[in-house]
Amino acid sequence: MKRDEHICHLETKLSKLEDATKKILESRSISKQEPKIEQLKLSIKENLLKKNMFMYRKG
């Protein structure tokens, strides 16, 4: 019985490590995407401004 408890304990630890690893990898991928997201926001703002200026000149 002692051996089974030990195995169960190790499986629990392994599961926690896998979860922690997933979270770390996800947070890294998110932080790598932030500059791209900011660039996209700026691009959208610029396009909206250009469109508004075009509509203003047209009207």
Protein backbone atom coordinates (compact mmCIF):
# COMPACT_ATOMS: atom_id res chain seq x y z
CA MET A 1 0.00 0.00 0.00
CA LYS A 2 2.86 2.35 0.79
CA ARG A 3 4.22 2.01 -2.76
CA ASP A 4 0.83 2.88 -4.32
CA GLU A 5 0.57 6.00 -2.16
CA HIS A 6 4.04 7.06 -3.23
CA ILE A 7 3.18 6.56 -6.91
CA CYS A 8 -0.01 8.55 -6.50
CA HIS A 9 1.94 11.35 -4.80
CA LEU A 10 4.46 11.44 -7.65
CA GLU A 11 1.70 11.49 -10.27
CA THR A 12 0.11 14.45 -8.49
CA LYS A 13 3.42 16.31 -8.45
CA LEU A 14 3.97 15.55 -12.13
CA SER A 15 0.51 16.85 -12.98
CA LYS A 16 1.17 20.10 -11.09
CA LEU A 17 4.49 20.53 -12.88
CA GLU A 18 2.83 20.01 -16.26
CA ASP A 19 0.16 22.60 -15.42
CA ALA A 20 2.79 25.11 -14.28
CA THR A 21 4.83 24.52 -17.44
CA LYS A 22 1.75 25.13 -19.61
CA LYS A 23 1.03 28.40 -17.81
CA ILE A 24 4.62 29.58 -18.22
CA LEU A 25 4.63 28.77 -21.93
CA GLU A 26 1.27 30.49 -22.44
CA SER A 27 2.44 33.62 -20.62
CA ARG A 28 5.59 33.74 -22.74
CA SER A 29 3.65 33.43 -25.97
CA ILE A 30 1.30 36.19 -24.82
CA SER A 31 4.18 38.52 -23.94
CA LYS A 32 5.74 37.88 -27.35
CA GLN A 33 2.44 38.84 -29.00
CA GLU A 34 2.03 42.16 -27.13
CA PRO A 35 4.23 44.23 -29.48
CA LYS A 36 2.34 42.80 -32.46
CA ILE A 37 -0.98 43.67 -30.83
CA GLU A 38 0.18 47.24 -30.13
CA GLN A 39 1.37 47.60 -33.74
CA LEU A 40 -1.99 46.34 -34.98
CA LYS A 41 -3.83 48.87 -32.79
CA LEU A 42 -1.70 51.70 -34.19
CA SER A 43 -2.29 50.49 -37.72
CA ILE A 44 -6.06 50.43 -37.17
CA LYS A 45 -6.00 53.95 -35.71
CA GLU A 46 -3.96 55.24 -38.66
CA ASN A 47 -6.34 53.66 -41.15
CA LEU A 48 -9.37 55.14 -39.39
CA LEU A 49 -7.76 58.58 -39.37
CA LYS A 50 -6.94 58.33 -43.08
CA LYS A 51 -10.49 57.22 -43.82
CA ASN A 52 -11.94 60.10 -41.78
CA MET A 53 -9.68 62.62 -43.53
CA PHE A 54 -10.69 61.23 -46.93
CA MET A 55 -14.39 61.43 -46.01
CA TYR A 56 -13.92 64.97 -44.68
CA ARG A 57 -12.25 66.12 -47.91
CA LYS A 58 -14.86 64.36 -50.00
CA GLY A 59 -17.80 65.82 -48.10
